[in-house]
Amino acid sequence: VMEKNHAQLTRLFKTGSLKTVGDELLEAGIITRDVQTNPTSDTIINCFLSGFVFKDEVEEIEEYCVKFFNAFYEIRGPYIDAANKIKKSIQDTIIDKLGVQLNI
């Protein structure tokens, strides 16, 4: 899902301050302090994706996604639309591939 939306996210990140994005995602526990200090579209996306590796339970995945989306909601503007689009894509993909409904 993130790879499918990579170009749109990169374009979105260029519309505003990556520092703001980094600050919100660091506060949410999604990215590392190093990524927040020197954020790029790729490092932000890769850090988010890396976090999934350590999630074993559906509830952990749901909580992690909610933190990510809430950070985008805090930034406001088109980040809200991006969060909603990615959220729907993740939900649809998980239903299609695993038959599980995520509560995110």
N, C-alpha and C. Protein backbone atom coordinates (compact mmCIF):
# COMPACT_ATOMS: atom_id res chain seq x y z
N VAL A 1 0.83 -1.20 0.00
CA VAL A 1 0.00 0.00 0.00
C VAL A 1 0.87 1.26 0.00
N MET A 2 1.89 1.27 0.84
CA MET A 2 2.74 2.46 0.91
C MET A 2 3.54 2.62 -0.38
N GLU A 3 3.96 1.50 -0.95
CA GLU A 3 4.69 1.57 -2.21
C GLU A 3 3.79 2.11 -3.32
N LYS A 4 2.53 1.69 -3.30
CA LYS A 4 1.56 2.15 -4.30
C LYS A 4 1.32 3.66 -4.17
N ASN A 5 1.42 4.17 -2.96
CA ASN A 5 1.16 5.59 -2.70
C ASN A 5 2.44 6.40 -2.53
N HIS A 6 3.58 5.80 -2.82
CA HIS A 6 4.88 6.45 -2.58
C HIS A 6 5.00 7.78 -3.32
N ALA A 7 4.65 7.80 -4.60
CA ALA A 7 4.81 9.04 -5.38
C ALA A 7 3.91 10.14 -4.84
N GLN A 8 2.69 9.80 -4.46
CA GLN A 8 1.78 10.81 -3.92
C GLN A 8 2.28 11.32 -2.57
N LEU A 9 2.78 10.42 -1.73
CA LEU A 9 3.31 10.85 -0.43
C LEU A 9 4.53 11.75 -0.61
N THR A 10 5.40 11.38 -1.52
CA THR A 10 6.58 12.20 -1.77
C THR A 10 6.17 13.59 -2.23
N ARG A 11 5.21 13.67 -3.12
CA ARG A 11 4.71 14.97 -3.58
C ARG A 11 4.10 15.75 -2.42
N LEU A 12 3.32 15.06 -1.58
CA LEU A 12 2.71 15.72 -0.43
C LEU A 12 3.77 16.25 0.53
N PHE A 13 4.78 15.45 0.80
CA PHE A 13 5.83 15.89 1.71
C PHE A 13 6.55 17.13 1.19
N LYS A 14 6.58 17.30 -0.13
CA LYS A 14 7.24 18.47 -0.72
C LYS A 14 6.38 19.73 -0.63
N THR A 15 5.09 19.58 -0.31
CA THR A 15 4.21 20.75 -0.24
C THR A 15 4.37 21.53 1.05
N GLY A 16 4.98 20.93 2.02
CA GLY A 16 5.11 21.60 3.30
C GLY A 16 6.44 21.29 3.94
N SER A 17 6.48 21.42 5.20
CA SER A 17 7.72 21.23 5.94
C SER A 17 7.87 19.78 6.37
N LEU A 18 8.90 19.14 5.88
CA LEU A 18 9.19 17.78 6.33
C LEU A 18 9.53 17.78 7.82
N LYS A 19 10.00 18.92 8.31
CA LYS A 19 10.29 19.04 9.75
C LYS A 19 9.02 18.86 10.56
N THR A 20 7.92 19.46 10.11
CA THR A 20 6.64 19.31 10.80
C THR A 20 6.18 17.86 10.76
N VAL A 21 6.29 17.24 9.61
CA VAL A 21 5.92 15.83 9.47
C VAL A 21 6.78 14.99 10.42
N GLY A 22 8.07 15.25 10.39
CA GLY A 22 8.98 14.53 11.26
C GLY A 22 8.67 14.71 12.73
N ASP A 23 8.36 15.93 13.13
CA ASP A 23 8.03 16.20 14.53
C ASP A 23 6.80 15.41 14.97
N GLU A 24 5.76 15.43 14.15
CA GLU A 24 4.53 14.72 14.50
C GLU A 24 4.73 13.20 14.54
N LEU A 25 5.47 12.68 13.56
CA LEU A 25 5.69 11.23 13.52
C LEU A 25 6.64 10.77 14.63
N LEU A 26 7.59 11.61 15.02
CA LEU A 26 8.45 11.28 16.16
C LEU A 26 7.62 11.24 17.44
N GLU A 27 6.79 12.23 17.62
CA GLU A 27 5.94 12.28 18.81
C GLU A 27 5.02 11.06 18.88
N ALA A 28 4.59 10.58 17.73
CA ALA A 28 3.72 9.40 17.68
C ALA A 28 4.49 8.10 17.85
N GLY A 29 5.82 8.17 17.81
CA GLY A 29 6.64 6.98 17.96
C GLY A 29 6.78 6.18 16.68
N ILE A 30 6.57 6.84 15.54
CA ILE A 30 6.63 6.15 14.25
C ILE A 30 8.03 6.20 13.64
N ILE A 31 8.73 7.31 13.82
CA ILE A 31 10.08 7.43 13.25
C ILE A 31 11.08 7.64 14.38
N THR A 32 12.35 7.46 14.03
CA THR A 32 13.42 7.65 14.99
C THR A 32 13.82 9.13 15.07
N ARG A 33 14.56 9.43 16.10
CA ARG A 33 15.06 10.80 16.26
C ARG A 33 15.99 11.18 15.10
N ASP A 34 16.78 10.23 14.62
CA ASP A 34 17.67 10.51 13.48
C ASP A 34 16.88 10.88 12.24
N VAL A 35 15.80 10.16 11.98
CA VAL A 35 14.97 10.47 10.81
C VAL A 35 14.31 11.83 11.00
N GLN A 36 13.86 12.13 12.20
CA GLN A 36 13.22 13.42 12.48
C GLN A 36 14.20 14.56 12.30
N THR A 37 15.46 14.35 12.64
CA THR A 37 16.48 15.39 12.51
C THR A 37 16.78 15.71 11.06
N ASN A 38 16.76 14.69 10.21
CA ASN A 38 17.07 14.87 8.80
C ASN A 38 16.05 14.10 7.95
N PRO A 39 14.79 14.55 7.96
CA PRO A 39 13.74 13.77 7.29
C PRO A 39 13.78 13.89 5.77
N THR A 40 13.54 12.76 5.13
CA THR A 40 13.30 12.73 3.69
C THR A 40 12.05 11.86 3.49
N SER A 41 11.46 11.96 2.34
CA SER A 41 10.28 11.14 2.06
C SER A 41 10.61 9.67 2.23
N ASP A 42 11.72 9.25 1.67
CA ASP A 42 12.08 7.83 1.73
C ASP A 42 12.36 7.36 3.15
N THR A 43 13.09 8.16 3.94
CA THR A 43 13.40 7.70 5.29
C THR A 43 12.15 7.64 6.16
N ILE A 44 11.23 8.57 5.96
CA ILE A 44 9.98 8.54 6.72
C ILE A 44 9.17 7.30 6.36
N ILE A 45 9.01 7.04 5.08
CA ILE A 45 8.22 5.89 4.63
C ILE A 45 8.89 4.59 5.07
N ASN A 46 10.21 4.49 4.90
CA ASN A 46 10.92 3.27 5.28
C ASN A 46 10.87 3.02 6.78
N CYS A 47 10.96 4.07 7.56
CA CYS A 47 10.89 3.92 9.02
C CYS A 47 9.50 3.42 9.42
N PHE A 48 8.47 3.99 8.82
CA PHE A 48 7.11 3.53 9.10
C PHE A 48 6.96 2.06 8.75
N LEU A 49 7.41 1.67 7.58
CA LEU A 49 7.29 0.27 7.15
C LEU A 49 8.11 -0.66 8.04
N SER A 50 9.27 -0.22 8.48
CA SER A 50 10.11 -1.05 9.35
C SER A 50 9.41 -1.37 10.67
N GLY A 51 8.59 -0.49 11.13
CA GLY A 51 7.87 -0.72 12.39
C GLY A 51 6.93 -1.90 12.34
N PHE A 52 6.44 -2.25 11.17
CA PHE A 52 5.53 -3.39 11.03
C PHE A 52 6.22 -4.72 11.33
N VAL A 53 7.51 -4.79 11.10
CA VAL A 53 8.26 -6.03 11.29
C VAL A 53 8.11 -6.56 12.72
N PHE A 54 7.95 -5.65 13.66
CA PHE A 54 7.92 -6.04 15.06
C PHE A 54 6.52 -6.16 15.64
N LYS A 55 5.53 -6.12 14.79
CA LYS A 55 4.14 -6.24 15.23
C LYS A 55 3.64 -7.65 14.94
N ASP A 56 3.29 -8.40 16.00
CA ASP A 56 2.85 -9.78 15.84
C ASP A 56 1.34 -9.93 15.91
N GLU A 57 0.68 -9.05 16.60
CA GLU A 57 -0.76 -9.16 16.82
C GLU A 57 -1.51 -8.11 16.00
N VAL A 58 -2.72 -8.44 15.61
CA VAL A 58 -3.56 -7.52 14.85
C VAL A 58 -3.74 -6.22 15.63
N GLU A 59 -3.92 -6.31 16.93
CA GLU A 59 -4.13 -5.12 17.75
C GLU A 59 -2.91 -4.20 17.72
N GLU A 60 -1.72 -4.78 17.66
CA GLU A 60 -0.50 -3.97 17.57
C GLU A 60 -0.42 -3.24 16.24
N ILE A 61 -0.80 -3.92 15.18
CA ILE A 61 -0.82 -3.30 13.86
C ILE A 61 -1.84 -2.18 13.83
N GLU A 62 -3.01 -2.41 14.39
CA GLU A 62 -4.04 -1.38 14.44
C GLU A 62 -3.56 -0.16 15.20
N GLU A 63 -2.96 -0.37 16.36
CA GLU A 63 -2.47 0.74 17.18
C GLU A 63 -1.39 1.53 16.45
N TYR A 64 -0.50 0.82 15.79
CA TYR A 64 0.59 1.46 15.05
C TYR A 64 0.04 2.33 13.91
N CYS A 65 -0.91 1.78 13.17
CA CYS A 65 -1.52 2.53 12.06
C CYS A 65 -2.26 3.76 12.59
N VAL A 66 -2.99 3.60 13.67
CA VAL A 66 -3.74 4.73 14.24
C VAL A 66 -2.78 5.85 14.65
N LYS A 67 -1.64 5.51 15.23
CA LYS A 67 -0.65 6.53 15.59
C LYS A 67 -0.18 7.29 14.36
N PHE A 68 0.08 6.54 13.28
CA PHE A 68 0.52 7.16 12.03
C PHE A 68 -0.54 8.10 11.50
N PHE A 69 -1.78 7.63 11.43
CA PHE A 69 -2.86 8.45 10.88
C PHE A 69 -3.13 9.66 11.76
N ASN A 70 -3.10 9.48 13.07
CA ASN A 70 -3.33 10.62 13.98
C ASN A 70 -2.27 11.70 13.81
N ALA A 71 -1.03 11.29 13.54
CA ALA A 71 0.03 12.28 13.29
C ALA A 71 -0.30 13.08 12.04
N PHE A 72 -0.77 12.41 10.99
CA PHE A 72 -1.17 13.12 9.78
C PHE A 72 -2.35 14.05 10.05
N TYR A 73 -3.31 13.60 10.84
CA TYR A 73 -4.47 14.45 11.17
C TYR A 73 -4.04 15.72 11.90
N GLU A 74 -3.01 15.60 12.73
CA GLU A 74 -2.51 16.77 13.46
C GLU A 74 -1.90 17.81 12.53
N ILE A 75 -1.30 17.36 11.44
CA ILE A 75 -0.67 18.29 10.49
C ILE A 75 -1.74 19.06 9.73
N ARG A 76 -2.90 18.41 9.52
CA ARG A 76 -4.06 19.04 8.88
C ARG A 76 -3.89 19.11 7.37
N GLY A 77 -4.72 19.90 6.73
CA GLY A 77 -4.66 20.11 5.29
C GLY A 77 -4.77 18.82 4.51
N PRO A 78 -4.01 18.71 3.42
CA PRO A 78 -4.09 17.51 2.57
C PRO A 78 -3.58 16.23 3.26
N TYR A 79 -2.91 16.38 4.40
CA TYR A 79 -2.47 15.19 5.13
C TYR A 79 -3.66 14.39 5.64
N ILE A 80 -4.76 15.05 5.91
CA ILE A 80 -5.97 14.35 6.34
C ILE A 80 -6.47 13.46 5.21
N ASP A 81 -6.51 14.01 4.00
CA ASP A 81 -6.95 13.23 2.84
C ASP A 81 -6.00 12.06 2.58
N ALA A 82 -4.72 12.30 2.71
CA ALA A 82 -3.74 11.23 2.50
C ALA A 82 -3.94 10.11 3.52
N ALA A 83 -4.11 10.49 4.78
CA ALA A 83 -4.33 9.49 5.82
C ALA A 83 -5.57 8.66 5.53
N ASN A 84 -6.64 9.32 5.13
CA ASN A 84 -7.89 8.60 4.85
C ASN A 84 -7.75 7.66 3.66
N LYS A 85 -7.03 8.10 2.63
CA LYS A 85 -6.83 7.25 1.45
C LYS A 85 -5.97 6.04 1.79
N ILE A 86 -4.88 6.26 2.51
CA ILE A 86 -4.00 5.16 2.89
C ILE A 86 -4.72 4.21 3.83
N LYS A 87 -5.48 4.76 4.76
CA LYS A 87 -6.23 3.92 5.69
C LYS A 87 -7.17 2.98 4.94
N LYS A 88 -7.92 3.51 3.99
CA LYS A 88 -8.84 2.68 3.21
C LYS A 88 -8.09 1.63 2.41
N SER A 89 -6.96 2.01 1.82
CA SER A 89 -6.16 1.07 1.04
C SER A 89 -5.64 -0.07 1.92
N ILE A 90 -5.17 0.27 3.12
CA ILE A 90 -4.68 -0.75 4.04
C ILE A 90 -5.81 -1.69 4.44
N GLN A 91 -6.96 -1.12 4.79
CA GLN A 91 -8.09 -1.95 5.18
C GLN A 91 -8.50 -2.89 4.05
N ASP A 92 -8.62 -2.37 2.85
CA ASP A 92 -9.02 -3.18 1.70
C ASP A 92 -8.00 -4.29 1.42
N THR A 93 -6.72 -3.96 1.50
CA THR A 93 -5.67 -4.93 1.23
C THR A 93 -5.68 -6.05 2.27
N ILE A 94 -5.83 -5.70 3.53
CA ILE A 94 -5.83 -6.71 4.60
C ILE A 94 -7.06 -7.62 4.47
N ILE A 95 -8.20 -7.04 4.13
CA ILE A 95 -9.40 -7.87 3.93
C ILE A 95 -9.18 -8.82 2.76
N ASP A 96 -8.66 -8.32 1.65
CA ASP A 96 -8.44 -9.14 0.46
C ASP A 96 -7.44 -10.27 0.71
N LYS A 97 -6.34 -9.94 1.40
CA LYS A 97 -5.25 -10.91 1.54
C LYS A 97 -5.41 -11.82 2.76
N LEU A 98 -5.97 -11.29 3.86
CA LEU A 98 -6.04 -12.07 5.09
C LEU A 98 -7.45 -12.33 5.58
N GLY A 99 -8.41 -11.64 4.99
CA GLY A 99 -9.78 -11.81 5.43
C GLY A 99 -10.06 -11.23 6.81
N VAL A 100 -9.24 -10.26 7.22
CA VAL A 100 -9.36 -9.65 8.55
C VAL A 100 -9.72 -8.18 8.38
N GLN A 101 -10.66 -7.71 9.20
CA GLN A 101 -11.03 -6.29 9.20
C GLN A 101 -10.20 -5.57 10.26
N LEU A 102 -9.41 -4.60 9.84
CA LEU A 102 -8.65 -3.79 10.80
C LEU A 102 -9.51 -2.65 11.30
N ASN A 103 -9.45 -2.39 12.58
CA ASN A 103 -10.14 -1.25 13.18
C ASN A 103 -9.16 -0.11 13.32
N ILE A 104 -8.99 0.61 12.20
CA ILE A 104 -8.04 1.71 12.21
C ILE A 104 -8.73 3.00 11.77
